[in-house]
Amino acid sequence: MSAIMEKLQDIAKALESLNTEKVTATPQGVVGKDGAAAQAEIDAGAVRMKQLELRSKFKALPTNQIMEMLQVQAGAEAGKQADSGLLNMVAASDPGIRKLLDTTGGAALIRQDLEPLLYALFVKRFPFWDRIQKEPANGLVHAYNQITSYGDAAFITETGTVTDDTSAYVQKTSNIGVIATRRGVSLKQQFAVSQGGAPYNSLAQELNGGVIAISSKLQRTIFQGNATTAAKTAADEEGAYDANSFTGLRFLLGTPNAAANPVVVEKGGSSYIAAFNTAIAGVLDNGGLPTAIAMRPGRYSDWVNELLATIRQNPGAAGAQGLDFGSVLTAAGPLPIVTVPGNGIGTYTLVSPSREDIYVLDEDTLSAPWLGSDSITTLEIPVGVNGALTRLYVMFAMFGLAVKAPLFNAKVRI
């Protein structure tokens, strides 16, 4: 633990500064800002840079070290009181939190110092999340243009007139879902743990549990969410309907969204490599450039077993036929494989038997629009705030999913 304390002390000031720096900022485009407004924007930018720097440091650490650091930091009496300015930034679209703070005197604290630690745990559980672009949402429902055709160009004479052409777009929307969980421990348990000499912080254990719960739900929604078509279940290609969530890749890159021209390939009896290359060829022909392949660990195992049957040399158990087991050599070059654990991708019944998807993605066309923050926000509710002897944390995030060019992506049905 002493080594952990030494590492944490090196960045403790930076963590604490996330709670003390101003985080409110004047909306962009406001004319005639005074000095205070300009300084608020600078302060918000400084906080953002510190967050990104700390995230990068923590992501490089093993999970057990992050957990030990979280146990130390979660017990610190830190946080910035949730005043009206902060609420406008991080909780304005969650009336439940606003009501809670208003009716109890505003005693909650926003634990920005925990955000880099929780983000590192989050992306270790859900590595695909770190690969998706994040962008501020433009409303309670995020509106964006989805490209269905990139148009054309023409050769002209030396003095000819340039012909007009445009890409074809349709306007799409993505609901910004609020995903939240409340975690905490009783005051009695806190006393029992500390007086019993247990070398851990029970609050940190609950925070880690909240990260796992949010990452699992968010991962499942990105791949099989459905906020578009009612009365559908998880057994349908559309996915289980939840009006409070957002629509995911299974729907957006599948038969229900055929008008957007996604590439859908049936593997059938062909090899995994053949199916991947067929899908990638379709994406390349449409003008896309795939950057990753996402699949369940079970399908990754099947693909590796397929390669093992044709190994020529295996130096250090790293490659087969000159291929790295962590990537697929394709017409678009070597593409990394991103595994999606658990039931994130799931199965559905198109025709018997059940189907499962592998996704060939141009990640530059994907984004996760957010409200408030591009990570998990943690509100600390101190002991006694609701007349209860418990110390609570409300963990929440607000996200959607935008697929800007479905025709630049593909899925392979297994």
Protein backbone atom coordinates (compact mmCIF):
# COMPACT_ATOMS: atom_id res chain seq x y z
CA MET A 1 0.00 0.00 0.00
CA SER A 2 2.96 2.32 0.63
CA ALA A 3 3.89 2.16 -3.05
CA ILE A 4 0.33 3.06 -3.98
CA MET A 5 0.38 5.99 -1.57
CA GLU A 6 3.60 7.26 -3.11
CA LYS A 7 2.13 7.11 -6.62
CA LEU A 8 -1.10 8.73 -5.49
CA GLN A 9 0.76 11.55 -3.73
CA ASP A 10 2.44 12.42 -7.02
CA ILE A 11 -0.92 13.27 -8.57
CA ALA A 12 -2.97 14.10 -5.47
CA LYS A 13 -2.73 17.84 -6.06
CA ALA A 14 -3.96 17.43 -9.62
CA LEU A 15 -6.90 15.29 -8.46
CA GLU A 16 -7.87 17.76 -5.76
CA SER A 17 -7.60 20.67 -8.20
CA LEU A 18 -10.40 19.09 -10.25
CA ASN A 19 -12.69 19.81 -7.29
CA THR A 20 -11.42 23.34 -6.62
CA GLU A 21 -11.13 24.71 -10.17
CA LYS A 22 -14.11 26.49 -11.67
CA VAL A 23 -15.93 24.26 -14.11
CA THR A 24 -18.69 26.54 -15.34
CA ALA A 25 -18.17 28.12 -18.74
CA THR A 26 -19.95 30.76 -20.77
CA PRO A 27 -21.72 29.30 -23.83
CA GLN A 28 -19.74 29.61 -27.04
CA GLY A 29 -20.56 32.49 -29.35
CA VAL A 30 -21.56 35.01 -26.67
CA VAL A 31 -20.52 38.52 -27.70
CA GLY A 32 -19.06 41.00 -25.23
CA LYS A 33 -17.96 38.63 -22.49
CA ASP A 34 -16.60 40.33 -19.42
CA GLY A 35 -13.34 39.32 -17.74
CA ALA A 36 -15.03 36.87 -15.36
CA ALA A 37 -16.75 35.04 -18.22
CA ALA A 38 -13.52 34.78 -20.18
CA GLN A 39 -11.68 33.50 -17.10
CA ALA A 40 -14.41 30.87 -16.55
CA GLU A 41 -13.77 29.49 -20.02
CA ILE A 42 -10.03 29.35 -19.35
CA ASP A 43 -10.60 27.59 -16.02
CA ALA A 44 -12.91 25.04 -17.65
CA GLY A 45 -10.30 24.36 -20.32
CA ALA A 46 -7.61 23.86 -17.68
CA VAL A 47 -9.78 21.35 -15.83
CA ARG A 48 -10.43 19.49 -19.06
CA MET A 49 -6.72 19.21 -19.87
CA LYS A 50 -5.99 17.92 -16.38
CA GLN A 51 -8.75 15.32 -16.70
CA LEU A 52 -7.35 14.02 -19.98
CA GLU A 53 -3.81 13.89 -18.61
CA LEU A 54 -4.88 11.99 -15.50
CA ARG A 55 -7.05 9.58 -17.49
CA SER A 56 -4.05 8.70 -19.64
CA LYS A 57 -1.88 8.06 -16.57
CA PHE A 58 -4.43 5.85 -14.84
CA LYS A 59 -5.29 3.82 -17.95
CA ALA A 60 -1.66 2.71 -18.12
CA LEU A 61 -1.84 1.21 -14.61
CA PRO A 62 -3.00 -2.34 -13.75
CA THR A 63 -6.57 -2.63 -12.49
CA ASN A 64 -5.52 -3.71 -8.99
CA GLN A 65 -3.43 -0.54 -8.56
CA ILE A 66 -6.29 1.65 -9.76
CA MET A 67 -8.60 -0.02 -7.23
CA GLU A 68 -6.11 0.54 -4.41
CA MET A 69 -5.80 4.20 -5.38
CA LEU A 70 -9.58 4.50 -5.50
CA GLN A 71 -9.83 3.10 -1.98
CA VAL A 72 -7.52 5.87 -0.76
CA GLN A 73 -9.08 8.70 -2.78
CA ALA A 74 -12.72 7.72 -2.13
CA GLY A 75 -12.14 8.12 1.58
CA ALA A 76 -10.80 11.64 1.19
CA GLU A 77 -13.09 14.42 2.30
CA ALA A 78 -13.01 16.10 -1.08
CA GLY A 79 -15.51 17.56 -3.45
CA LYS A 80 -17.02 20.81 -4.64
CA GLN A 81 -20.44 21.81 -3.40
CA ALA A 82 -23.04 21.36 -6.10
CA ASP A 83 -24.15 24.94 -6.61
CA SER A 84 -26.55 26.08 -9.33
CA GLY A 85 -23.75 26.73 -11.83
CA LEU A 86 -22.43 23.20 -11.53
CA LEU A 87 -25.91 21.75 -11.75
CA ASN A 88 -26.43 23.53 -15.04
CA MET A 89 -23.33 21.81 -16.37
CA VAL A 90 -23.61 18.26 -15.06
CA ALA A 91 -27.15 17.59 -13.92
CA ALA A 92 -29.52 19.96 -15.68
CA SER A 93 -31.19 17.17 -17.64
CA ASP A 94 -31.75 15.00 -14.55
CA PRO A 95 -34.67 16.54 -12.61
CA GLY A 96 -34.35 13.91 -9.90
CA ILE A 97 -30.91 15.12 -8.89
CA ARG A 98 -31.96 18.79 -9.03
CA LYS A 99 -34.97 18.06 -6.79
CA LEU A 100 -32.82 16.10 -4.36
CA LEU A 101 -30.36 18.96 -3.96
CA ASP A 102 -33.04 21.65 -3.70
CA THR A 103 -35.08 19.88 -1.04
CA THR A 104 -32.15 18.96 1.21
CA GLY A 105 -30.21 22.20 1.19
CA GLY A 106 -27.72 21.40 -1.56
CA ALA A 107 -25.29 19.42 0.60
CA ALA A 108 -24.17 17.12 -2.22
CA LEU A 109 -20.63 17.23 -3.55
CA ILE A 110 -19.45 16.61 -7.09
CA ARG A 111 -16.45 14.31 -6.81
CA GLN A 112 -14.49 15.36 -9.88
CA ASP A 113 -11.35 13.96 -8.25
CA LEU A 114 -12.74 10.44 -8.68
CA GLU A 115 -13.52 10.86 -12.39
CA PRO A 116 -10.08 9.89 -13.83
CA LEU A 117 -9.93 6.78 -11.63
CA LEU A 118 -13.46 5.70 -12.53
CA TYR A 119 -12.86 6.40 -16.22
CA ALA A 120 -9.77 4.17 -16.19
CA LEU A 121 -11.75 1.34 -14.59
CA PHE A 122 -14.57 1.96 -17.06
CA VAL A 123 -12.47 1.61 -20.23
CA LYS A 124 -10.67 -1.44 -18.87
CA ARG A 125 -14.08 -3.10 -18.58
CA PHE A 126 -15.25 -1.63 -21.88
CA PRO A 127 -12.17 -0.94 -24.10
CA PHE A 128 -14.26 -0.19 -27.20
CA TRP A 129 -15.62 2.92 -25.45
CA ASP A 130 -12.21 4.57 -25.50
CA ARG A 131 -12.07 4.20 -29.30
CA ILE A 132 -15.33 6.06 -29.99
CA GLN A 133 -15.25 9.81 -30.58
CA LYS A 134 -17.12 11.90 -28.01
CA GLU A 135 -19.00 15.06 -28.99
CA PRO A 136 -21.30 17.43 -27.08
CA ALA A 137 -24.95 16.71 -27.81
CA ASN A 138 -26.99 19.53 -29.36
CA GLY A 139 -30.17 18.90 -27.38
CA LEU A 140 -32.11 16.42 -25.29
CA VAL A 141 -32.24 14.47 -28.55
CA HIS A 142 -29.05 14.77 -30.61
CA ALA A 143 -29.67 15.63 -34.29
CA TYR A 144 -27.07 14.82 -36.94
CA ASN A 145 -26.72 14.31 -40.69
CA GLN A 146 -26.24 10.74 -41.89
CA ILE A 147 -24.57 10.30 -45.27
CA THR A 148 -26.17 7.79 -47.66
CA SER A 149 -24.12 8.66 -50.77
CA TYR A 150 -20.94 10.70 -51.24
CA GLY A 151 -21.94 12.02 -54.67
CA ASP A 152 -19.65 12.15 -57.71
CA ALA A 153 -17.02 14.25 -59.46
CA ALA A 154 -16.42 14.82 -63.18
CA PHE A 155 -13.54 15.63 -65.52
CA ILE A 156 -13.97 18.96 -67.28
CA THR A 157 -12.22 20.81 -70.09
CA GLU A 158 -9.44 23.27 -69.38
CA THR A 159 -11.82 26.21 -69.35
CA GLY A 160 -14.97 24.31 -68.55
CA THR A 161 -17.44 25.02 -65.77
CA VAL A 162 -17.27 22.90 -62.65
CA THR A 163 -20.42 20.84 -62.23
CA ASP A 164 -22.27 20.88 -58.96
CA ASP A 165 -22.72 17.77 -56.86
CA THR A 166 -23.35 17.01 -53.22
CA SER A 167 -23.37 14.09 -50.88
CA ALA A 168 -26.79 12.72 -50.03
CA TYR A 169 -27.85 13.12 -46.43
CA VAL A 170 -30.78 12.25 -44.24
CA GLN A 171 -31.31 13.85 -40.86
CA LYS A 172 -31.23 11.40 -37.98
CA THR A 173 -31.58 11.73 -34.23
CA SER A 174 -30.26 9.84 -31.25
CA ASN A 175 -31.90 9.95 -27.86
CA ILE A 176 -29.55 10.99 -25.06
CA GLY A 177 -30.14 8.34 -22.44
CA VAL A 178 -29.55 8.99 -18.74
CA ILE A 179 -27.92 5.95 -17.15
CA ALA A 180 -27.52 6.08 -13.39
CA THR A 181 -27.04 4.05 -10.25
CA ARG A 182 -26.98 5.00 -6.58
CA ARG A 183 -24.38 3.27 -4.44
CA GLY A 184 -23.36 3.62 -0.82
CA VAL A 185 -22.78 2.07 2.57
CA SER A 186 -24.28 2.66 5.98
CA LEU A 187 -22.44 4.61 8.65
CA LYS A 188 -22.50 1.49 10.79
CA GLN A 189 -20.65 -0.47 8.11
CA GLN A 190 -18.07 2.30 7.69
CA PHE A 191 -17.36 2.25 11.44
CA ALA A 192 -17.23 -1.55 11.52
CA VAL A 193 -14.74 -1.71 8.65
CA SER A 194 -12.44 0.98 10.05
CA GLN A 195 -12.56 -0.24 13.66
CA GLY A 196 -12.15 -3.85 12.58
CA GLY A 197 -8.88 -3.03 10.85
CA ALA A 198 -9.99 -4.16 7.39
CA PRO A 199 -7.50 -2.80 4.80
CA TYR A 200 -10.04 -1.58 2.30
CA ASN A 201 -12.59 1.15 1.71
CA SER A 202 -16.10 -0.27 1.34
CA LEU A 203 -17.18 2.85 -0.55
CA ALA A 204 -14.54 2.15 -3.20
CA GLN A 205 -15.93 -1.36 -3.61
CA GLU A 206 -19.38 0.07 -4.27
CA LEU A 207 -18.00 2.64 -6.71
CA ASN A 208 -16.28 -0.14 -8.64
CA GLY A 209 -19.56 -2.05 -8.68
CA GLY A 210 -21.29 1.02 -10.09
CA VAL A 211 -18.67 1.30 -12.84
CA ILE A 212 -19.19 -2.35 -13.78
CA ALA A 213 -22.98 -1.91 -13.85
CA ILE A 214 -22.88 1.24 -15.99
CA SER A 215 -20.24 -0.10 -18.39
CA SER A 216 -22.14 -3.36 -18.87
CA LYS A 217 -25.43 -1.60 -19.59
CA LEU A 218 -23.85 1.03 -21.85
CA GLN A 219 -21.89 -1.59 -23.79
CA ARG A 220 -25.03 -3.66 -24.35
CA THR A 221 -26.96 -0.58 -25.49
CA ILE A 222 -24.29 0.52 -27.99
CA PHE A 223 -24.46 -2.85 -29.72
CA GLN A 224 -28.11 -3.90 -29.30
CA GLY A 225 -30.03 -0.91 -27.96
CA ASN A 226 -33.42 0.01 -29.44
CA ALA A 227 -35.21 3.29 -28.74
CA THR A 228 -36.76 3.36 -32.23
CA THR A 229 -39.15 0.44 -32.75
CA ALA A 230 -41.64 -0.38 -30.00
CA ALA A 231 -42.78 -3.86 -28.96
CA LYS A 232 -39.49 -5.53 -29.87
CA THR A 233 -37.54 -7.90 -27.64
CA ALA A 234 -33.90 -8.96 -27.34
CA ALA A 235 -34.71 -11.89 -29.64
CA ASP A 236 -35.47 -9.47 -32.51
CA GLU A 237 -32.79 -7.91 -34.70
CA GLU A 238 -34.05 -4.47 -33.65
CA GLY A 239 -33.21 -5.25 -30.00
CA ALA A 240 -35.26 -4.91 -26.82
CA TYR A 241 -37.23 -1.65 -26.86
CA ASP A 242 -36.43 0.92 -24.18
CA ALA A 243 -37.63 4.46 -24.90
CA ASN A 244 -35.21 5.86 -22.30
CA SER A 245 -32.09 4.40 -23.93
CA PHE A 246 -30.73 4.90 -27.47
CA THR A 247 -30.55 2.82 -30.64
CA GLY A 248 -27.44 0.70 -31.19
CA LEU A 249 -25.40 -0.88 -33.96
CA ARG A 250 -27.44 -4.05 -34.38
CA PHE A 251 -30.39 -1.96 -35.57
CA LEU A 252 -28.47 0.81 -37.35
CA LEU A 253 -26.28 -1.58 -39.37
CA GLY A 254 -28.91 -4.24 -39.97
CA THR A 255 -31.95 -5.16 -42.01
CA PRO A 256 -34.29 -2.80 -40.06
CA ASN A 257 -32.20 0.14 -41.34
CA ALA A 258 -31.76 -1.08 -44.92
CA ALA A 259 -32.48 2.39 -46.34
CA ALA A 260 -29.13 3.57 -44.95
CA ASN A 261 -27.27 1.04 -47.14
CA PRO A 262 -25.24 -0.82 -44.49
CA VAL A 263 -23.19 -3.80 -45.64
CA VAL A 264 -24.58 -7.07 -44.24
CA VAL A 265 -22.75 -10.35 -44.93
CA GLU A 266 -23.96 -13.87 -44.12
CA LYS A 267 -21.04 -16.04 -43.04
CA GLY A 268 -22.81 -19.32 -43.70
CA GLY A 269 -20.32 -22.12 -44.26
CA SER A 270 -17.45 -19.88 -45.33
CA SER A 271 -14.38 -19.22 -43.20
CA TYR A 272 -14.16 -16.24 -40.87
CA ILE A 273 -11.44 -14.68 -43.02
CA ALA A 274 -13.57 -15.03 -46.15
CA ALA A 275 -16.57 -13.43 -44.41
CA PHE A 276 -14.45 -10.58 -43.03
CA ASN A 277 -12.94 -9.83 -46.42
CA THR A 278 -16.34 -9.88 -48.12
CA ALA A 279 -17.65 -7.33 -45.61
CA ILE A 280 -14.52 -5.19 -45.84
CA ALA A 281 -14.64 -5.22 -49.64
CA GLY A 282 -18.20 -3.88 -49.47
CA VAL A 283 -17.16 -1.09 -47.10
CA LEU A 284 -14.16 -0.15 -49.25
CA ASP A 285 -16.31 -0.11 -52.38
CA ASN A 286 -18.68 2.32 -50.62
CA GLY A 287 -15.80 4.66 -49.80
CA GLY A 288 -15.25 3.72 -46.17
CA LEU A 289 -12.02 2.74 -44.44
CA PRO A 290 -12.49 0.10 -41.71
CA THR A 291 -10.43 0.59 -38.57
CA ALA A 292 -11.47 -2.29 -36.26
CA ILE A 293 -13.43 -5.53 -35.98
CA ALA A 294 -15.61 -6.03 -32.88
CA MET A 295 -16.71 -9.50 -31.77
CA ARG A 296 -17.49 -11.60 -28.71
CA PRO A 297 -14.63 -13.54 -27.08
CA GLY A 298 -16.27 -16.81 -28.17
CA ARG A 299 -16.14 -15.81 -31.83
CA TYR A 300 -12.54 -14.67 -31.39
CA SER A 301 -11.74 -18.13 -30.06
CA ASP A 302 -13.40 -19.73 -33.11
CA TRP A 303 -11.39 -17.49 -35.43
CA VAL A 304 -8.10 -18.35 -33.69
CA ASN A 305 -8.92 -22.07 -33.83
CA GLU A 306 -9.52 -21.65 -37.56
CA LEU A 307 -6.04 -20.15 -37.91
CA LEU A 308 -4.40 -22.80 -35.73
CA ALA A 309 -5.30 -25.46 -38.27
CA THR A 310 -3.00 -23.79 -40.82
CA ILE A 311 -0.07 -22.63 -38.68
CA ARG A 312 3.26 -22.63 -40.50
CA GLN A 313 5.33 -21.20 -37.66
CA ASN A 314 4.37 -20.02 -34.25
CA PRO A 315 7.11 -17.90 -32.66
CA GLY A 316 6.15 -17.26 -29.07
CA ALA A 317 2.51 -18.28 -29.74
CA ALA A 318 2.01 -14.90 -31.39
CA GLY A 319 1.19 -15.56 -35.02
CA ALA A 320 -0.22 -17.95 -37.56
CA GLN A 321 0.62 -17.74 -41.26
CA GLY A 322 2.36 -14.46 -40.54
CA LEU A 323 -0.73 -13.02 -38.83
CA ASP A 324 -0.84 -11.59 -35.34
CA PHE A 325 -3.63 -13.23 -33.33
CA GLY A 326 -4.73 -9.76 -32.18
CA SER A 327 -5.45 -8.50 -35.69
CA VAL A 328 -6.82 -9.59 -39.05
CA LEU A 329 -4.88 -9.00 -42.27
CA THR A 330 -7.39 -7.68 -44.80
CA ALA A 331 -7.66 -5.65 -47.99
CA ALA A 332 -7.80 -2.60 -45.71
CA GLY A 333 -4.57 -3.63 -43.97
CA PRO A 334 -4.24 -5.25 -40.54
CA LEU A 335 -7.33 -4.46 -38.45
CA PRO A 336 -7.29 -4.78 -34.64
CA ILE A 337 -9.80 -7.09 -33.01
CA VAL A 338 -11.81 -5.52 -30.18
CA THR A 339 -13.47 -8.14 -27.99
CA VAL A 340 -16.83 -7.30 -26.42
CA PRO A 341 -17.28 -9.49 -23.31
CA GLY A 342 -20.45 -10.76 -21.72
CA ASN A 343 -23.77 -10.30 -23.49
CA GLY A 344 -22.84 -6.95 -25.01
CA ILE A 345 -23.40 -8.08 -28.60
CA GLY A 346 -25.94 -10.79 -27.81
CA THR A 347 -27.91 -13.03 -30.16
CA TYR A 348 -31.23 -12.74 -31.98
CA THR A 349 -33.52 -14.86 -34.10
CA LEU A 350 -33.64 -13.86 -37.75
CA VAL A 351 -34.27 -17.39 -38.91
CA SER A 352 -33.52 -20.51 -36.90
CA PRO A 353 -30.97 -20.93 -35.38
CA SER A 354 -30.11 -17.76 -33.46
CA ARG A 355 -27.72 -15.28 -35.08
CA GLU A 356 -24.84 -13.26 -33.72
CA ASP A 357 -23.07 -10.29 -35.29
CA ILE A 358 -19.44 -9.40 -35.85
CA TYR A 359 -18.94 -5.72 -36.68
CA VAL A 360 -16.50 -4.26 -39.20
CA LEU A 361 -16.34 -0.61 -38.22
CA ASP A 362 -15.05 2.65 -39.61
CA GLU A 363 -14.73 4.25 -36.18
CA ASP A 364 -14.32 7.72 -37.68
CA THR A 365 -18.03 7.59 -38.57
CA LEU A 366 -19.13 6.79 -35.00
CA SER A 367 -19.58 9.20 -32.12
CA ALA A 368 -21.09 9.23 -28.66
CA PRO A 369 -22.92 12.55 -28.10
CA TRP A 370 -23.00 13.50 -24.42
CA LEU A 371 -24.64 15.94 -22.05
CA GLY A 372 -22.89 17.26 -18.95
CA SER A 373 -19.69 15.22 -19.15
CA ASP A 374 -18.09 12.67 -21.47
CA SER A 375 -17.54 10.30 -18.54
CA ILE A 376 -19.25 9.08 -15.39
CA THR A 377 -20.13 11.93 -13.01
CA THR A 378 -20.23 11.14 -9.30
CA LEU A 379 -22.35 13.04 -6.77
CA GLU A 380 -21.50 12.36 -3.13
CA ILE A 381 -24.45 12.59 -0.72
CA PRO A 382 -22.97 12.91 2.79
CA VAL A 383 -24.26 11.10 5.86
CA GLY A 384 -27.53 12.45 7.24
CA VAL A 385 -28.67 14.32 4.13
CA ASN A 386 -31.98 12.50 3.81
CA GLY A 387 -32.29 11.70 7.48
CA ALA A 388 -30.52 8.39 6.89
CA LEU A 389 -27.20 7.29 8.34
CA THR A 390 -25.76 6.34 4.98
CA ARG A 391 -23.12 7.82 2.71
CA LEU A 392 -24.31 7.65 -0.87
CA TYR A 393 -22.87 8.16 -4.32
CA VAL A 394 -25.07 8.88 -7.32
CA MET A 395 -23.17 7.83 -10.44
CA PHE A 396 -24.62 8.88 -13.78
CA ALA A 397 -23.80 9.55 -17.42
CA MET A 398 -25.80 10.88 -20.38
CA PHE A 399 -24.98 9.44 -23.79
CA GLY A 400 -26.36 8.57 -27.21
CA LEU A 401 -24.91 7.00 -30.36
CA ALA A 402 -24.54 8.61 -33.79
CA VAL A 403 -23.59 6.56 -36.86
CA LYS A 404 -22.77 9.20 -39.47
CA ALA A 405 -22.25 6.80 -42.41
CA PRO A 406 -23.78 3.32 -42.09
CA LEU A 407 -22.55 2.42 -45.60
CA PHE A 408 -18.96 2.76 -44.30
CA ASN A 409 -19.61 0.00 -41.76
CA ALA A 410 -20.64 -3.64 -41.99
CA LYS A 411 -21.77 -6.56 -39.93
CA VAL A 412 -21.19 -10.26 -40.46
CA ARG A 413 -23.97 -12.56 -39.31
CA ILE A 414 -22.74 -15.78 -37.74
